[in-house]
Amino acid sequence: TEFYPSISNQVILFPLLEKELTKKEYDLLLPNVSQTFIIENNDNSSKITECKPNELFNLIESINNVYTY
């Protein structure tokens, strides 16, 4: 709420997970999240995968090369 004190009814965020948005921060937003997608970039293409909002971080952990710690 400090970073986004007042935002519209529909917002799209493209954070680098665990860098620009941690799981703890995401959990605070989760009650207001209706859809989540993962953009997976490979050498010659990108793939967009929809996932359930409460499974986002679990799915990311299962995908290789999405982010590093």
N, C-alpha and C. Protein backbone atom coordinates (compact mmCIF):
# COMPACT_ATOMS: atom_id res chain seq x y z
N THR A 1 0.81 -1.21 0.00
CA THR A 1 0.00 0.00 0.00
C THR A 1 0.85 1.27 0.00
N GLU A 2 2.07 1.19 0.47
CA GLU A 2 2.92 2.38 0.44
C GLU A 2 3.42 2.66 -0.98
N PHE A 3 3.77 1.59 -1.69
CA PHE A 3 4.30 1.77 -3.04
C PHE A 3 3.19 2.11 -4.03
N TYR A 4 2.02 1.48 -3.86
CA TYR A 4 0.85 1.73 -4.71
C TYR A 4 -0.28 2.27 -3.84
N PRO A 5 -0.19 3.51 -3.40
CA PRO A 5 -1.21 4.03 -2.48
C PRO A 5 -2.60 4.10 -3.10
N SER A 6 -2.66 4.36 -4.40
CA SER A 6 -3.95 4.46 -5.06
C SER A 6 -3.78 4.04 -6.52
N ILE A 7 -4.36 2.91 -6.87
CA ILE A 7 -4.26 2.42 -8.24
C ILE A 7 -5.64 2.10 -8.76
N SER A 8 -5.73 1.92 -10.06
CA SER A 8 -7.04 1.70 -10.67
C SER A 8 -7.57 0.31 -10.36
N ASN A 9 -8.73 0.02 -10.91
CA ASN A 9 -9.37 -1.28 -10.68
C ASN A 9 -8.66 -2.41 -11.41
N GLN A 10 -7.98 -2.09 -12.48
CA GLN A 10 -7.27 -3.11 -13.25
C GLN A 10 -5.81 -2.69 -13.39
N VAL A 11 -4.91 -3.56 -12.94
CA VAL A 11 -3.48 -3.25 -12.97
C VAL A 11 -2.74 -4.47 -13.49
N ILE A 12 -1.74 -4.21 -14.33
CA ILE A 12 -0.89 -5.28 -14.84
C ILE A 12 0.52 -5.00 -14.34
N LEU A 13 1.12 -5.98 -13.69
CA LEU A 13 2.50 -5.86 -13.19
C LEU A 13 3.38 -6.88 -13.91
N PHE A 14 4.58 -6.47 -14.25
CA PHE A 14 5.55 -7.35 -14.87
C PHE A 14 6.83 -7.39 -14.02
N PRO A 15 6.75 -7.88 -12.80
CA PRO A 15 7.95 -7.87 -11.95
C PRO A 15 8.87 -9.05 -12.24
N LEU A 16 10.13 -8.86 -11.92
CA LEU A 16 11.06 -9.99 -11.87
C LEU A 16 10.86 -10.61 -10.50
N LEU A 17 10.30 -11.80 -10.49
CA LEU A 17 9.96 -12.42 -9.21
C LEU A 17 11.21 -12.73 -8.41
N GLU A 18 11.11 -12.50 -7.13
CA GLU A 18 12.19 -12.65 -6.15
C GLU A 18 13.27 -11.59 -6.31
N LYS A 19 13.10 -10.66 -7.24
CA LYS A 19 14.02 -9.53 -7.35
C LYS A 19 13.25 -8.23 -7.14
N GLU A 20 12.18 -8.05 -7.92
CA GLU A 20 11.36 -6.84 -7.79
C GLU A 20 10.09 -7.09 -6.99
N LEU A 21 9.74 -8.35 -6.82
CA LEU A 21 8.55 -8.72 -6.04
C LEU A 21 8.84 -10.04 -5.34
N THR A 22 8.91 -10.01 -4.03
CA THR A 22 9.18 -11.23 -3.27
C THR A 22 7.88 -11.99 -3.02
N LYS A 23 8.02 -13.22 -2.59
CA LYS A 23 6.83 -14.02 -2.27
C LYS A 23 6.05 -13.37 -1.13
N LYS A 24 6.74 -12.83 -0.17
CA LYS A 24 6.08 -12.16 0.96
C LYS A 24 5.25 -10.96 0.47
N GLU A 25 5.81 -10.17 -0.43
CA GLU A 25 5.08 -9.03 -0.99
C GLU A 25 3.91 -9.51 -1.84
N TYR A 26 4.15 -10.56 -2.63
CA TYR A 26 3.08 -11.11 -3.47
C TYR A 26 1.93 -11.63 -2.61
N ASP A 27 2.24 -12.27 -1.52
CA ASP A 27 1.20 -12.79 -0.63
C ASP A 27 0.29 -11.67 -0.10
N LEU A 28 0.84 -10.48 0.06
CA LEU A 28 0.03 -9.34 0.48
C LEU A 28 -0.93 -8.90 -0.63
N LEU A 29 -0.50 -9.05 -1.87
CA LEU A 29 -1.33 -8.68 -3.01
C LEU A 29 -2.33 -9.77 -3.40
N LEU A 30 -2.02 -11.00 -3.04
CA LEU A 30 -2.77 -12.17 -3.51
C LEU A 30 -4.30 -12.07 -3.38
N PRO A 31 -4.86 -11.55 -2.31
CA PRO A 31 -6.32 -11.46 -2.23
C PRO A 31 -6.95 -10.63 -3.35
N ASN A 32 -6.15 -9.78 -3.97
CA ASN A 32 -6.65 -8.92 -5.05
C ASN A 32 -6.20 -9.35 -6.44
N VAL A 33 -5.54 -10.48 -6.54
CA VAL A 33 -5.04 -10.97 -7.83
C VAL A 33 -6.07 -11.90 -8.44
N SER A 34 -6.45 -11.62 -9.68
CA SER A 34 -7.44 -12.48 -10.34
C SER A 34 -6.81 -13.43 -11.35
N GLN A 35 -5.72 -13.02 -12.00
CA GLN A 35 -5.07 -13.88 -12.98
C GLN A 35 -3.56 -13.70 -12.89
N THR A 36 -2.84 -14.78 -13.17
CA THR A 36 -1.38 -14.69 -13.22
C THR A 36 -0.88 -15.46 -14.44
N PHE A 37 0.21 -14.95 -14.99
CA PHE A 37 0.83 -15.56 -16.15
C PHE A 37 2.34 -15.53 -15.95
N ILE A 38 3.01 -16.50 -16.50
CA ILE A 38 4.47 -16.52 -16.50
C ILE A 38 4.94 -16.35 -17.93
N ILE A 39 5.85 -15.42 -18.15
CA ILE A 39 6.47 -15.26 -19.46
C ILE A 39 7.83 -15.93 -19.38
N GLU A 40 7.98 -16.98 -20.13
CA GLU A 40 9.21 -17.77 -20.13
C GLU A 40 9.98 -17.48 -21.41
N ASN A 41 11.14 -16.85 -21.28
CA ASN A 41 11.96 -16.50 -22.44
C ASN A 41 13.01 -17.56 -22.68
N ASN A 42 13.06 -18.02 -23.92
CA ASN A 42 14.09 -18.97 -24.35
C ASN A 42 14.95 -18.28 -25.41
N ASP A 43 15.89 -19.00 -25.97
CA ASP A 43 16.80 -18.40 -26.94
C ASP A 43 16.09 -17.76 -28.13
N ASN A 44 15.14 -18.47 -28.71
CA ASN A 44 14.50 -17.97 -29.93
C ASN A 44 13.01 -17.71 -29.80
N SER A 45 12.48 -17.81 -28.62
CA SER A 45 11.04 -17.64 -28.47
C SER A 45 10.67 -17.29 -27.03
N SER A 46 9.42 -16.94 -26.88
CA SER A 46 8.85 -16.70 -25.56
C SER A 46 7.57 -17.50 -25.45
N LYS A 47 7.26 -17.92 -24.25
CA LYS A 47 6.05 -18.70 -24.01
C LYS A 47 5.32 -18.09 -22.83
N ILE A 48 4.01 -17.94 -22.97
CA ILE A 48 3.19 -17.39 -21.89
C ILE A 48 2.33 -18.52 -21.34
N THR A 49 2.42 -18.73 -20.03
CA THR A 49 1.68 -19.79 -19.37
C THR A 49 0.81 -19.19 -18.28
N GLU A 50 -0.47 -19.50 -18.31
CA GLU A 50 -1.35 -19.04 -17.25
C GLU A 50 -1.26 -20.01 -16.08
N CYS A 51 -1.34 -19.48 -14.88
CA CYS A 51 -1.34 -20.34 -13.70
C CYS A 51 -2.28 -19.75 -12.65
N LYS A 52 -2.67 -20.57 -11.72
CA LYS A 52 -3.53 -20.09 -10.63
C LYS A 52 -2.74 -19.12 -9.77
N PRO A 53 -3.36 -18.02 -9.36
CA PRO A 53 -2.63 -17.02 -8.58
C PRO A 53 -1.93 -17.59 -7.34
N ASN A 54 -2.56 -18.52 -6.65
CA ASN A 54 -1.94 -19.06 -5.43
C ASN A 54 -0.85 -20.09 -5.72
N GLU A 55 -0.62 -20.41 -7.00
CA GLU A 55 0.42 -21.38 -7.36
C GLU A 55 1.59 -20.74 -8.12
N LEU A 56 1.59 -19.44 -8.24
CA LEU A 56 2.60 -18.75 -9.05
C LEU A 56 4.03 -19.09 -8.64
N PHE A 57 4.35 -18.90 -7.39
CA PHE A 57 5.74 -19.12 -6.96
C PHE A 57 6.12 -20.59 -6.99
N ASN A 58 5.19 -21.48 -6.75
CA ASN A 58 5.48 -22.91 -6.85
C ASN A 58 5.78 -23.30 -8.29
N LEU A 59 5.02 -22.77 -9.23
CA LEU A 59 5.25 -23.07 -10.63
C LEU A 59 6.59 -22.51 -11.10
N ILE A 60 6.90 -21.33 -10.66
CA ILE A 60 8.17 -20.72 -11.06
C ILE A 60 9.36 -21.53 -10.57
N GLU A 61 9.26 -22.04 -9.36
CA GLU A 61 10.34 -22.86 -8.83
C GLU A 61 10.54 -24.13 -9.65
N SER A 62 9.48 -24.60 -10.29
CA SER A 62 9.59 -25.83 -11.08
C SER A 62 10.09 -25.58 -12.50
N ILE A 63 10.12 -24.33 -12.94
CA ILE A 63 10.58 -24.00 -14.29
C ILE A 63 12.06 -23.58 -14.21
N ASN A 64 12.87 -24.19 -15.02
CA ASN A 64 14.30 -23.86 -15.03
C ASN A 64 14.56 -22.52 -15.69
N ASN A 65 15.56 -21.82 -15.21
CA ASN A 65 16.07 -20.59 -15.82
C ASN A 65 15.09 -19.42 -15.84
N VAL A 66 14.10 -19.41 -14.99
CA VAL A 66 13.20 -18.26 -14.95
C VAL A 66 13.87 -17.13 -14.16
N TYR A 67 14.46 -17.47 -13.04
CA TYR A 67 15.23 -16.49 -12.28
C TYR A 67 16.25 -17.24 -11.44
N THR A 68 17.23 -16.53 -10.98
CA THR A 68 18.24 -17.12 -10.11
C THR A 68 18.25 -16.37 -8.79
N TYR A 69 18.67 -17.02 -7.75
CA TYR A 69 18.72 -16.38 -6.43
C TYR A 69 20.01 -15.64 -6.27
